[in-house]
Amino acid sequence: MNAIEIKNLSKSFRGMYAVDNLNMTVPVGAIYGFIGENGSGKSTTEKLICGHLVPDQGEIKLFGKDYSDVGVRARVGALIESAGCFPNSSVWANLYMQALNLGIQNKTEEINRVLKIVRMEDSAKIKFKSCSLGMKQRIGIAMALLGNPALLILDEPINGLDTDGMRIMREIIVDITQNLGCTVLISSHILGELEKIATHYGIIRQGRLIQELSAQEMENRSRVFVSLKTKHMKEALTVLQKRFENVRLEEEYIRVYDVDDAERIVKYLLENGHSVSEIEKNKVGLEEYYIELMSKKEVEE
């Protein structure tokens, strides 16, 4: 069974499609990285899944049931755009009001549980307006976790955070999936951070999902390359371009793509009078993969 199954989903505003015949599958237990440029339809898709918007057409199933089913709706938690808290109320008070709205019975126990998950058990008395951006994002996640949902939808939760804030957020999301068995759909523009935790990816462009793949499939498709430095970079670049098909000068390094035999490259340079001062083997990461995919789509269009 999949946590989310979407078929032929469309949503338009004033005659323009924000989501256009979209198909999408999120496996149970996945951390699904939802990727796309601004205006590509990510937030609209998330709002449709949450029931905040009504689709023009298409089907949304959550855990095998229609998304409008009351029972399945209770299994979904979401943080989209902002936490929606009262600024002059404490963290605890905001969580308590949300617990009341949800009709949770053991409110104190449940609030303590979610505060511990987001590592804010010592910040319960702080007013929401006094919290940092990272804390506010974690409070939003805590609110979404009230009632122990099986599916958590997070819209850009790491954007704007500092390095430590992003690390904490990554660890919390991984804990949620591993310890709570919760499926997470997360969108983000910070692809380097998303790459560290996602198990699956969906890439959306102009309202359509153009590619869906697992992290392992992404790894298998990623191009390998060798990065190196020499004393005379331009001359060495010219030499390598005569021998290898895809050689570029990028970020102060010579990169030889689709080749992972560093020894062969070093030997060839030495034979042509160039010694190597730095060299390492790499794979194209998620960000580079995404940029390359978008470039191909632009050419096709």
C-alpha atoms as a PDB file:
ATOM      1  CA  MET A   1       0.000   0.000   0.000  1.00  0.00           C
ATOM      2  CA  ASN A   2       1.118   3.549  -0.741  1.00  0.00           C
ATOM      3  CA  ALA A   3       0.674   6.516   1.565  1.00  0.00           C
ATOM      4  CA  ILE A   4      -0.301   8.772  -1.362  1.00  0.00           C
ATOM      5  CA  GLU A   5      -1.571   7.863  -4.818  1.00  0.00           C
ATOM      6  CA  ILE A   6      -2.526  10.690  -7.172  1.00  0.00           C
ATOM      7  CA  LYS A   7      -3.944  10.176 -10.658  1.00  0.00           C
ATOM      8  CA  ASN A   8      -4.647  12.820 -13.307  1.00  0.00           C
ATOM      9  CA  LEU A   9      -4.930  15.615 -10.741  1.00  0.00           C
ATOM     10  CA  SER A  10      -5.605  19.143 -12.014  1.00  0.00           C
ATOM     11  CA  LYS A  11      -6.295  22.485 -10.381  1.00  0.00           C
ATOM     12  CA  SER A  12      -6.677  25.808 -12.163  1.00  0.00           C
ATOM     13  CA  PHE A  13      -6.977  29.401 -11.003  1.00  0.00           C
ATOM     14  CA  ARG A  14      -8.643  31.883 -13.384  1.00  0.00           C
ATOM     15  CA  GLY A  15      -8.143  29.539 -16.287  1.00  0.00           C
ATOM     16  CA  MET A  16      -4.450  28.817 -15.626  1.00  0.00           C
ATOM     17  CA  TYR A  17      -3.372  25.401 -14.383  1.00  0.00           C
ATOM     18  CA  ALA A  18      -1.246  25.308 -11.213  1.00  0.00           C
ATOM     19  CA  VAL A  19      -1.449  21.502 -11.243  1.00  0.00           C
ATOM     20  CA  ASP A  20      -1.920  19.883 -14.640  1.00  0.00           C
ATOM     21  CA  ASN A  21      -2.821  16.175 -14.964  1.00  0.00           C
ATOM     22  CA  LEU A  22      -0.374  15.216 -12.214  1.00  0.00           C
ATOM     23  CA  ASN A  23       0.382  11.601 -11.263  1.00  0.00           C
ATOM     24  CA  MET A  24       2.319  10.828  -8.095  1.00  0.00           C
ATOM     25  CA  THR A  25       3.029   7.894  -5.750  1.00  0.00           C
ATOM     26  CA  VAL A  26       4.498   8.124  -2.235  1.00  0.00           C
ATOM     27  CA  PRO A  27       5.317   4.760  -0.599  1.00  0.00           C
ATOM     28  CA  VAL A  28       4.490   4.146   3.062  1.00  0.00           C
ATOM     29  CA  GLY A  29       7.474   5.003   5.276  1.00  0.00           C
ATOM     30  CA  ALA A  30       9.172   7.203   2.681  1.00  0.00           C
ATOM     31  CA  ILE A  31      10.750  10.610   3.058  1.00  0.00           C
ATOM     32  CA  TYR A  32       9.557  11.943  -0.277  1.00  0.00           C
ATOM     33  CA  GLY A  33      11.423  14.993  -1.524  1.00  0.00           C
ATOM     34  CA  PHE A  34       9.067  17.134  -3.614  1.00  0.00           C
ATOM     35  CA  ILE A  35      11.197  19.308  -5.897  1.00  0.00           C
ATOM     36  CA  GLY A  36      10.375  22.148  -8.263  1.00  0.00           C
ATOM     37  CA  GLU A  37      10.982  25.815  -8.944  1.00  0.00           C
ATOM     38  CA  ASN A  38       8.745  28.565  -7.554  1.00  0.00           C
ATOM     39  CA  GLY A  39       5.308  28.403  -9.163  1.00  0.00           C
ATOM     40  CA  SER A  40       5.747  24.792 -10.290  1.00  0.00           C
ATOM     41  CA  GLY A  41       2.727  23.588  -8.286  1.00  0.00           C
ATOM     42  CA  LYS A  42       4.282  22.083  -5.144  1.00  0.00           C
ATOM     43  CA  SER A  43       2.281  24.029  -2.565  1.00  0.00           C
ATOM     44  CA  THR A  44      -0.933  23.691  -4.561  1.00  0.00           C
ATOM     45  CA  THR A  45      -0.461  19.919  -4.719  1.00  0.00           C
ATOM     46  CA  GLU A  46       0.155  19.768  -0.970  1.00  0.00           C
ATOM     47  CA  LYS A  47      -2.946  21.865  -0.265  1.00  0.00           C
ATOM     48  CA  LEU A  48      -5.001  19.571  -2.494  1.00  0.00           C
ATOM     49  CA  ILE A  49      -3.757  16.509  -0.593  1.00  0.00           C
ATOM     50  CA  CYS A  50      -4.630  18.184   2.715  1.00  0.00           C
ATOM     51  CA  GLY A  51      -8.095  19.121   1.500  1.00  0.00           C
ATOM     52  CA  HIS A  52      -7.433  22.863   1.683  1.00  0.00           C
ATOM     53  CA  LEU A  53      -8.301  23.142  -2.014  1.00  0.00           C
ATOM     54  CA  VAL A  54     -10.819  21.293  -4.176  1.00  0.00           C
ATOM     55  CA  PRO A  55      -9.402  19.749  -7.381  1.00  0.00           C
ATOM     56  CA  ASP A  56     -10.913  20.410 -10.813  1.00  0.00           C
ATOM     57  CA  GLN A  57     -10.408  16.759 -11.650  1.00  0.00           C
ATOM     58  CA  GLY A  58      -8.421  13.691 -10.677  1.00  0.00           C
ATOM     59  CA  GLU A  59      -8.108  11.252  -7.822  1.00  0.00           C
ATOM     60  CA  ILE A  60      -6.247  11.475  -4.510  1.00  0.00           C
ATOM     61  CA  LYS A  61      -5.974   8.367  -2.354  1.00  0.00           C
ATOM     62  CA  LEU A  62      -4.350   8.247   1.089  1.00  0.00           C
ATOM     63  CA  PHE A  63      -3.511   4.792   2.419  1.00  0.00           C
ATOM     64  CA  GLY A  64      -5.848   3.278  -0.180  1.00  0.00           C
ATOM     65  CA  LYS A  65      -8.857   5.470   0.651  1.00  0.00           C
ATOM     66  CA  ASP A  66     -10.252   8.631  -0.918  1.00  0.00           C
ATOM     67  CA  TYR A  67      -8.611  11.704   0.606  1.00  0.00           C
ATOM     68  CA  SER A  68     -12.008  13.032   1.725  1.00  0.00           C
ATOM     69  CA  ASP A  69     -12.614  10.008   3.995  1.00  0.00           C
ATOM     70  CA  VAL A  70     -12.969  11.305   7.585  1.00  0.00           C
ATOM     71  CA  GLY A  71     -10.929   8.456   9.037  1.00  0.00           C
ATOM     72  CA  VAL A  72      -7.998   8.932   6.698  1.00  0.00           C
ATOM     73  CA  ARG A  73      -8.070  12.731   7.093  1.00  0.00           C
ATOM     74  CA  ALA A  74      -7.418  12.237  10.809  1.00  0.00           C
ATOM     75  CA  ARG A  75      -4.176  10.446   9.897  1.00  0.00           C
ATOM     76  CA  VAL A  76      -2.686  13.495   8.137  1.00  0.00           C
ATOM     77  CA  GLY A  77      -0.635  16.259   9.755  1.00  0.00           C
ATOM     78  CA  ALA A  78       0.668  19.272   7.838  1.00  0.00           C
ATOM     79  CA  LEU A  79       2.826  22.364   8.093  1.00  0.00           C
ATOM     80  CA  ILE A  80       2.170  24.512   5.044  1.00  0.00           C
ATOM     81  CA  GLU A  81       3.495  28.098   4.859  1.00  0.00           C
ATOM     82  CA  SER A  82       3.483  28.840   8.630  1.00  0.00           C
ATOM     83  CA  ALA A  83       2.499  27.363  11.967  1.00  0.00           C
ATOM     84  CA  GLY A  84      -0.456  29.746  12.473  1.00  0.00           C
ATOM     85  CA  CYS A  85       0.267  30.367  16.152  1.00  0.00           C
ATOM     86  CA  PHE A  86      -0.771  33.210  18.445  1.00  0.00           C
ATOM     87  CA  PRO A  87       2.370  35.362  18.887  1.00  0.00           C
ATOM     88  CA  ASN A  88       1.685  36.457  22.487  1.00  0.00           C
ATOM     89  CA  SER A  89       0.849  32.955  23.716  1.00  0.00           C
ATOM     90  CA  SER A  90       3.427  30.462  24.914  1.00  0.00           C
ATOM     91  CA  VAL A  91       4.534  27.431  22.948  1.00  0.00           C
ATOM     92  CA  TRP A  92       2.574  25.265  25.395  1.00  0.00           C
ATOM     93  CA  ALA A  93      -0.607  27.369  25.084  1.00  0.00           C
ATOM     94  CA  ASN A  94      -0.523  27.221  21.293  1.00  0.00           C
ATOM     95  CA  LEU A  95      -0.120  23.456  21.348  1.00  0.00           C
ATOM     96  CA  TYR A  96      -2.898  23.167  23.939  1.00  0.00           C
ATOM     97  CA  MET A  97      -5.325  25.155  21.766  1.00  0.00           C
ATOM     98  CA  GLN A  98      -4.519  22.947  18.788  1.00  0.00           C
ATOM     99  CA  ALA A  99      -5.020  19.827  20.917  1.00  0.00           C
ATOM    100  CA  LEU A 100      -8.441  21.199  21.912  1.00  0.00           C
ATOM    101  CA  ASN A 101      -9.324  21.779  18.247  1.00  0.00           C
ATOM    102  CA  LEU A 102      -8.382  18.196  17.433  1.00  0.00           C
ATOM    103  CA  GLY A 103     -10.344  16.763  20.345  1.00  0.00           C
ATOM    104  CA  ILE A 104      -7.310  15.018  21.834  1.00  0.00           C
ATOM    105  CA  GLN A 105      -8.075  13.364  25.176  1.00  0.00           C
ATOM    106  CA  ASN A 106      -4.744  13.198  27.021  1.00  0.00           C
ATOM    107  CA  LYS A 107      -3.642  16.690  26.059  1.00  0.00           C
ATOM    108  CA  THR A 108      -0.770  17.130  28.530  1.00  0.00           C
ATOM    109  CA  GLU A 109       0.772  13.767  27.674  1.00  0.00           C
ATOM    110  CA  GLU A 110       0.403  14.381  23.947  1.00  0.00           C
ATOM    111  CA  ILE A 111       1.923  17.874  24.130  1.00  0.00           C
ATOM    112  CA  ASN A 112       4.870  16.552  26.132  1.00  0.00           C
ATOM    113  CA  ARG A 113       5.321  13.791  23.549  1.00  0.00           C
ATOM    114  CA  VAL A 114       5.479  16.097  20.527  1.00  0.00           C
ATOM    115  CA  LEU A 115       7.668  18.666  22.303  1.00  0.00           C
ATOM    116  CA  LYS A 116      10.188  15.914  22.997  1.00  0.00           C
ATOM    117  CA  ILE A 117      10.136  14.794  19.364  1.00  0.00           C
ATOM    118  CA  VAL A 118      11.000  18.311  18.132  1.00  0.00           C
ATOM    119  CA  ARG A 119      13.498  18.871  20.972  1.00  0.00           C
ATOM    120  CA  MET A 120      11.638  21.759  22.565  1.00  0.00           C
ATOM    121  CA  GLU A 121      10.590  20.316  25.932  1.00  0.00           C
ATOM    122  CA  ASP A 122      12.629  23.034  27.682  1.00  0.00           C
ATOM    123  CA  SER A 123      11.028  25.855  25.653  1.00  0.00           C
ATOM    124  CA  ALA A 124       7.350  25.285  26.425  1.00  0.00           C
ATOM    125  CA  LYS A 125       6.934  28.514  28.411  1.00  0.00           C
ATOM    126  CA  ILE A 126       8.501  30.821  25.815  1.00  0.00           C
ATOM    127  CA  LYS A 127       6.136  33.104  23.903  1.00  0.00           C
ATOM    128  CA  PHE A 128       5.840  32.174  20.245  1.00  0.00           C
ATOM    129  CA  LYS A 129       6.908  35.674  19.105  1.00  0.00           C
ATOM    130  CA  SER A 130      10.199  35.272  21.011  1.00  0.00           C
ATOM    131  CA  CYS A 131      11.129  32.056  19.216  1.00  0.00           C
ATOM    132  CA  SER A 132      13.715  31.904  16.430  1.00  0.00           C
ATOM    133  CA  LEU A 133      12.701  30.881  12.906  1.00  0.00           C
ATOM    134  CA  GLY A 134      14.025  27.372  13.496  1.00  0.00           C
ATOM    135  CA  MET A 135      12.051  27.064  16.729  1.00  0.00           C
ATOM    136  CA  LYS A 136       8.888  28.309  15.021  1.00  0.00           C
ATOM    137  CA  GLN A 137       9.295  25.695  12.307  1.00  0.00           C
ATOM    138  CA  ARG A 138       9.722  22.979  14.928  1.00  0.00           C
ATOM    139  CA  ILE A 139       6.630  24.223  16.790  1.00  0.00           C
ATOM    140  CA  GLY A 140       4.724  23.930  13.526  1.00  0.00           C
ATOM    141  CA  ILE A 141       5.907  20.344  13.147  1.00  0.00           C
ATOM    142  CA  ALA A 142       4.939  19.618  16.766  1.00  0.00           C
ATOM    143  CA  MET A 143       1.428  20.917  16.055  1.00  0.00           C
ATOM    144  CA  ALA A 144       1.241  18.751  12.932  1.00  0.00           C
ATOM    145  CA  LEU A 145       2.313  15.706  14.966  1.00  0.00           C
ATOM    146  CA  LEU A 146      -0.478  16.060  17.524  1.00  0.00           C
ATOM    147  CA  GLY A 147      -2.652  12.971  17.327  1.00  0.00           C
ATOM    148  CA  ASN A 148       0.200  10.849  15.935  1.00  0.00           C
ATOM    149  CA  PRO A 149      -0.507  11.132  12.169  1.00  0.00           C
ATOM    150  CA  ALA A 150       0.630   8.471   9.708  1.00  0.00           C
ATOM    151  CA  LEU A 151       1.380  11.068   7.010  1.00  0.00           C
ATOM    152  CA  LEU A 152       3.191  14.362   7.568  1.00  0.00           C
ATOM    153  CA  ILE A 153       3.260  17.060   4.869  1.00  0.00           C
ATOM    154  CA  LEU A 154       5.934  19.749   5.235  1.00  0.00           C
ATOM    155  CA  ASP A 155       6.204  22.754   2.919  1.00  0.00           C
ATOM    156  CA  GLU A 156       9.720  24.244   2.881  1.00  0.00           C
ATOM    157  CA  PRO A 157      10.500  23.531   6.580  1.00  0.00           C
ATOM    158  CA  ILE A 158      14.269  24.080   6.278  1.00  0.00           C
ATOM    159  CA  ASN A 159      14.315  27.227   4.139  1.00  0.00           C
ATOM    160  CA  GLY A 160      15.835  30.208   5.938  1.00  0.00           C
ATOM    161  CA  LEU A 161      17.436  28.130   8.697  1.00  0.00           C
ATOM    162  CA  ASP A 162      21.095  28.342   9.653  1.00  0.00           C
ATOM    163  CA  THR A 163      23.404  25.335   9.411  1.00  0.00           C
ATOM    164  CA  ASP A 164      22.643  24.064  12.905  1.00  0.00           C
ATOM    165  CA  GLY A 165      18.918  24.620  12.431  1.00  0.00           C
ATOM    166  CA  MET A 166      18.964  22.575   9.227  1.00  0.00           C
ATOM    167  CA  ARG A 167      20.880  19.771  10.935  1.00  0.00           C
ATOM    168  CA  ILE A 168      18.351  19.603  13.779  1.00  0.00           C
ATOM    169  CA  MET A 169      15.457  19.627  11.311  1.00  0.00           C
ATOM    170  CA  ARG A 170      17.035  16.778   9.314  1.00  0.00           C
ATOM    171  CA  GLU A 171      17.475  14.693  12.445  1.00  0.00           C
ATOM    172  CA  ILE A 172      13.883  15.331  13.561  1.00  0.00           C
ATOM    173  CA  ILE A 173      12.456  14.285  10.187  1.00  0.00           C
ATOM    174  CA  VAL A 174      14.506  11.085  10.119  1.00  0.00           C
ATOM    175  CA  ASP A 175      13.445  10.311  13.715  1.00  0.00           C
ATOM    176  CA  ILE A 176       9.792  10.809  12.770  1.00  0.00           C
ATOM    177  CA  THR A 177       9.998   8.227   9.997  1.00  0.00           C
ATOM    178  CA  GLN A 178      12.208   5.710  11.792  1.00  0.00           C
ATOM    179  CA  ASN A 179      10.714   5.870  15.288  1.00  0.00           C
ATOM    180  CA  LEU A 180       7.087   6.789  14.575  1.00  0.00           C
ATOM    181  CA  GLY A 181       6.653   4.957  11.284  1.00  0.00           C
ATOM    182  CA  CYS A 182       5.370   8.180   9.718  1.00  0.00           C
ATOM    183  CA  THR A 183       5.555   8.905   5.989  1.00  0.00           C
ATOM    184  CA  VAL A 184       6.878  12.402   5.198  1.00  0.00           C
ATOM    185  CA  LEU A 185       6.233  14.482   2.083  1.00  0.00           C
ATOM    186  CA  ILE A 186       8.667  17.406   2.174  1.00  0.00           C
ATOM    187  CA  SER A 187       9.301  20.195  -0.308  1.00  0.00           C
ATOM    188  CA  SER A 188      12.464  22.288  -0.255  1.00  0.00           C
ATOM    189  CA  HIS A 189      14.653  24.451  -2.475  1.00  0.00           C
ATOM    190  CA  ILE A 190      17.754  23.399  -0.531  1.00  0.00           C
ATOM    191  CA  LEU A 191      18.444  20.257  -2.500  1.00  0.00           C
ATOM    192  CA  GLY A 192      21.773  19.498  -0.815  1.00  0.00           C
ATOM    193  CA  GLU A 193      19.971  19.156   2.524  1.00  0.00           C
ATOM    194  CA  LEU A 194      17.072  17.201   1.029  1.00  0.00           C
ATOM    195  CA  GLU A 195      19.515  14.770  -0.541  1.00  0.00           C
ATOM    196  CA  LYS A 196      20.804  13.799   2.911  1.00  0.00           C
ATOM    197  CA  ILE A 197      17.456  12.433   4.112  1.00  0.00           C
ATOM    198  CA  ALA A 198      15.099  11.682   1.196  1.00  0.00           C
ATOM    199  CA  THR A 199      14.359   8.095   0.184  1.00  0.00           C
ATOM    200  CA  HIS A 200      12.291   9.092  -2.861  1.00  0.00           C
ATOM    201  CA  TYR A 201      11.973  12.125  -5.135  1.00  0.00           C
ATOM    202  CA  GLY A 202       9.262  13.685  -7.263  1.00  0.00           C
ATOM    203  CA  ILE A 203      10.265  16.474  -9.654  1.00  0.00           C
ATOM    204  CA  ILE A 204       7.475  18.820 -10.746  1.00  0.00           C
ATOM    205  CA  ARG A 205       7.574  21.376 -13.553  1.00  0.00           C
ATOM    206  CA  GLN A 206       4.724  23.653 -14.646  1.00  0.00           C
ATOM    207  CA  GLY A 207       2.202  21.596 -12.712  1.00  0.00           C
ATOM    208  CA  ARG A 208       3.278  18.224 -14.096  1.00  0.00           C
ATOM    209  CA  LEU A 209       5.386  15.556 -12.410  1.00  0.00           C
ATOM    210  CA  ILE A 210       8.181  15.003 -14.918  1.00  0.00           C
ATOM    211  CA  GLN A 211      10.124  12.409 -12.969  1.00  0.00           C
ATOM    212  CA  GLU A 212       9.671  10.177  -9.929  1.00  0.00           C
ATOM    213  CA  LEU A 213      12.442   7.966  -8.606  1.00  0.00           C
ATOM    214  CA  SER A 214      13.948   6.467  -5.465  1.00  0.00           C
ATOM    215  CA  ALA A 215      17.170   7.740  -3.905  1.00  0.00           C
ATOM    216  CA  GLN A 216      18.853   4.527  -5.071  1.00  0.00           C
ATOM    217  CA  GLU A 217      17.685   5.094  -8.646  1.00  0.00           C
ATOM    218  CA  MET A 218      18.946   8.667  -8.431  1.00  0.00           C
ATOM    219  CA  GLU A 219      22.289   7.349  -7.231  1.00  0.00           C
ATOM    220  CA  ASN A 220      22.454   4.886 -10.115  1.00  0.00           C
ATOM    221  CA  ARG A 221      21.602   7.567 -12.693  1.00  0.00           C
ATOM    222  CA  SER A 222      24.007  10.150 -11.329  1.00  0.00           C
ATOM    223  CA  ARG A 223      26.988  10.777 -13.558  1.00  0.00           C
ATOM    224  CA  VAL A 224      30.447  10.152 -12.173  1.00  0.00           C
ATOM    225  CA  PHE A 225      33.281  12.598 -12.720  1.00  0.00           C
ATOM    226  CA  VAL A 226      36.868  13.233 -11.710  1.00  0.00           C
ATOM    227  CA  SER A 227      37.861  16.685 -10.392  1.00  0.00           C
ATOM    228  CA  LEU A 228      41.469  17.786 -10.572  1.00  0.00           C
ATOM    229  CA  LYS A 229      43.875  20.688 -10.436  1.00  0.00           C
ATOM    230  CA  THR A 230      47.184  21.221 -12.187  1.00  0.00           C
ATOM    231  CA  LYS A 231      49.687  24.078 -12.314  1.00  0.00           C
ATOM    232  CA  HIS A 232      48.633  25.075 -15.840  1.00  0.00           C
ATOM    233  CA  MET A 233      44.878  24.573 -15.887  1.00  0.00           C
ATOM    234  CA  LYS A 234      44.003  25.886 -19.376  1.00  0.00           C
ATOM    235  CA  GLU A 235      46.747  23.890 -21.072  1.00  0.00           C
ATOM    236  CA  ALA A 236      45.797  20.735 -19.163  1.00  0.00           C
ATOM    237  CA  LEU A 237      42.146  21.288 -20.092  1.00  0.00           C
ATOM    238  CA  THR A 238      43.051  21.408 -23.781  1.00  0.00           C
ATOM    239  CA  VAL A 239      45.078  18.205 -23.458  1.00  0.00           C
ATOM    240  CA  LEU A 240      42.253  16.341 -21.728  1.00  0.00           C
ATOM    241  CA  GLN A 241      39.633  17.542 -24.220  1.00  0.00           C
ATOM    242  CA  LYS A 242      41.618  15.828 -26.981  1.00  0.00           C
ATOM    243  CA  ARG A 243      41.371  12.478 -25.155  1.00  0.00           C
ATOM    244  CA  PHE A 244      38.052  12.540 -23.270  1.00  0.00           C
ATOM    245  CA  GLU A 245      34.594  13.509 -24.552  1.00  0.00           C
ATOM    246  CA  ASN A 246      33.197  15.627 -21.702  1.00  0.00           C
ATOM    247  CA  VAL A 247      35.770  17.826 -19.979  1.00  0.00           C
ATOM    248  CA  ARG A 248      34.907  21.206 -18.413  1.00  0.00           C
ATOM    249  CA  LEU A 249      36.501  23.888 -16.299  1.00  0.00           C
ATOM    250  CA  GLU A 250      34.076  24.407 -13.379  1.00  0.00           C
ATOM    251  CA  GLU A 251      34.479  26.024  -9.966  1.00  0.00           C
ATOM    252  CA  GLU A 252      38.278  26.290 -10.401  1.00  0.00           C
ATOM    253  CA  TYR A 253      38.555  22.562 -11.145  1.00  0.00           C
ATOM    254  CA  ILE A 254      38.903  20.559 -14.333  1.00  0.00           C
ATOM    255  CA  ARG A 255      36.093  18.013 -14.357  1.00  0.00           C
ATOM    256  CA  VAL A 256      36.189  14.907 -16.537  1.00  0.00           C
ATOM    257  CA  TYR A 257      32.643  13.520 -16.727  1.00  0.00           C
ATOM    258  CA  ASP A 258      31.534   9.898 -17.192  1.00  0.00           C
ATOM    259  CA  VAL A 259      35.004   8.652 -16.255  1.00  0.00           C
ATOM    260  CA  ASP A 260      35.914   7.299 -12.807  1.00  0.00           C
ATOM    261  CA  ASP A 261      39.414   5.991 -13.610  1.00  0.00           C
ATOM    262  CA  ALA A 262      41.496   8.702 -11.939  1.00  0.00           C
ATOM    263  CA  GLU A 263      44.762   6.812 -12.509  1.00  0.00           C
ATOM    264  CA  ARG A 264      44.201   6.785 -16.279  1.00  0.00           C
ATOM    265  CA  ILE A 265      43.657  10.542 -16.280  1.00  0.00           C
ATOM    266  CA  VAL A 266      46.759  11.222 -14.167  1.00  0.00           C
ATOM    267  CA  LYS A 267      48.868   8.968 -16.387  1.00  0.00           C
ATOM    268  CA  TYR A 268      47.641  10.694 -19.550  1.00  0.00           C
ATOM    269  CA  LEU A 269      48.415  14.140 -18.132  1.00  0.00           C
ATOM    270  CA  LEU A 270      51.898  13.080 -17.032  1.00  0.00           C
ATOM    271  CA  GLU A 271      52.587  11.711 -20.501  1.00  0.00           C
ATOM    272  CA  ASN A 272      51.695  15.160 -21.821  1.00  0.00           C
ATOM    273  CA  GLY A 273      53.816  17.136 -19.362  1.00  0.00           C
ATOM    274  CA  HIS A 274      51.267  17.985 -16.651  1.00  0.00           C
ATOM    275  CA  SER A 275      51.467  16.886 -13.025  1.00  0.00           C
ATOM    276  CA  VAL A 276      48.310  16.772 -10.863  1.00  0.00           C
ATOM    277  CA  SER A 277      48.240  18.621  -7.523  1.00  0.00           C
ATOM    278  CA  GLU A 278      44.671  17.654  -6.477  1.00  0.00           C
ATOM    279  CA  ILE A 279      42.335  14.925  -7.664  1.00  0.00           C
ATOM    280  CA  GLU A 280      39.155  13.198  -6.434  1.00  0.00           C
ATOM    281  CA  LYS A 281      36.285  11.109  -7.766  1.00  0.00           C
ATOM    282  CA  ASN A 282      32.710  12.411  -7.369  1.00  0.00           C
ATOM    283  CA  LYS A 283      29.133  11.820  -8.429  1.00  0.00           C
ATOM    284  CA  VAL A 284      26.709  14.456  -9.640  1.00  0.00           C
ATOM    285  CA  GLY A 285      24.494  15.352  -6.676  1.00  0.00           C
ATOM    286  CA  LEU A 286      20.766  16.009  -6.575  1.00  0.00           C
ATOM    287  CA  GLU A 287      21.136  19.729  -7.298  1.00  0.00           C
ATOM    288  CA  GLU A 288      23.274  19.168 -10.402  1.00  0.00           C
ATOM    289  CA  TYR A 289      20.962  16.353 -11.535  1.00  0.00           C
ATOM    290  CA  TYR A 290      17.936  18.626 -11.157  1.00  0.00           C
ATOM    291  CA  ILE A 291      19.552  21.528 -13.039  1.00  0.00           C
ATOM    292  CA  GLU A 292      20.580  19.232 -15.881  1.00  0.00           C
ATOM    293  CA  LEU A 293      17.077  17.728 -16.076  1.00  0.00           C
ATOM    294  CA  MET A 294      15.470  21.182 -16.167  1.00  0.00           C
ATOM    295  CA  SER A 295      17.873  22.284 -18.910  1.00  0.00           C
ATOM    296  CA  LYS A 296      16.910  19.271 -21.050  1.00  0.00           C
ATOM    297  CA  LYS A 297      13.210  20.051 -20.574  1.00  0.00           C
ATOM    298  CA  GLU A 298      13.748  23.662 -21.652  1.00  0.00           C
ATOM    299  CA  VAL A 299      15.496  22.487 -24.816  1.00  0.00           C
ATOM    300  CA  GLU A 300      12.673  20.015 -25.560  1.00  0.00           C
ATOM    301  CA  GLU A 301      10.068  22.757 -25.185  1.00  0.00           C
END
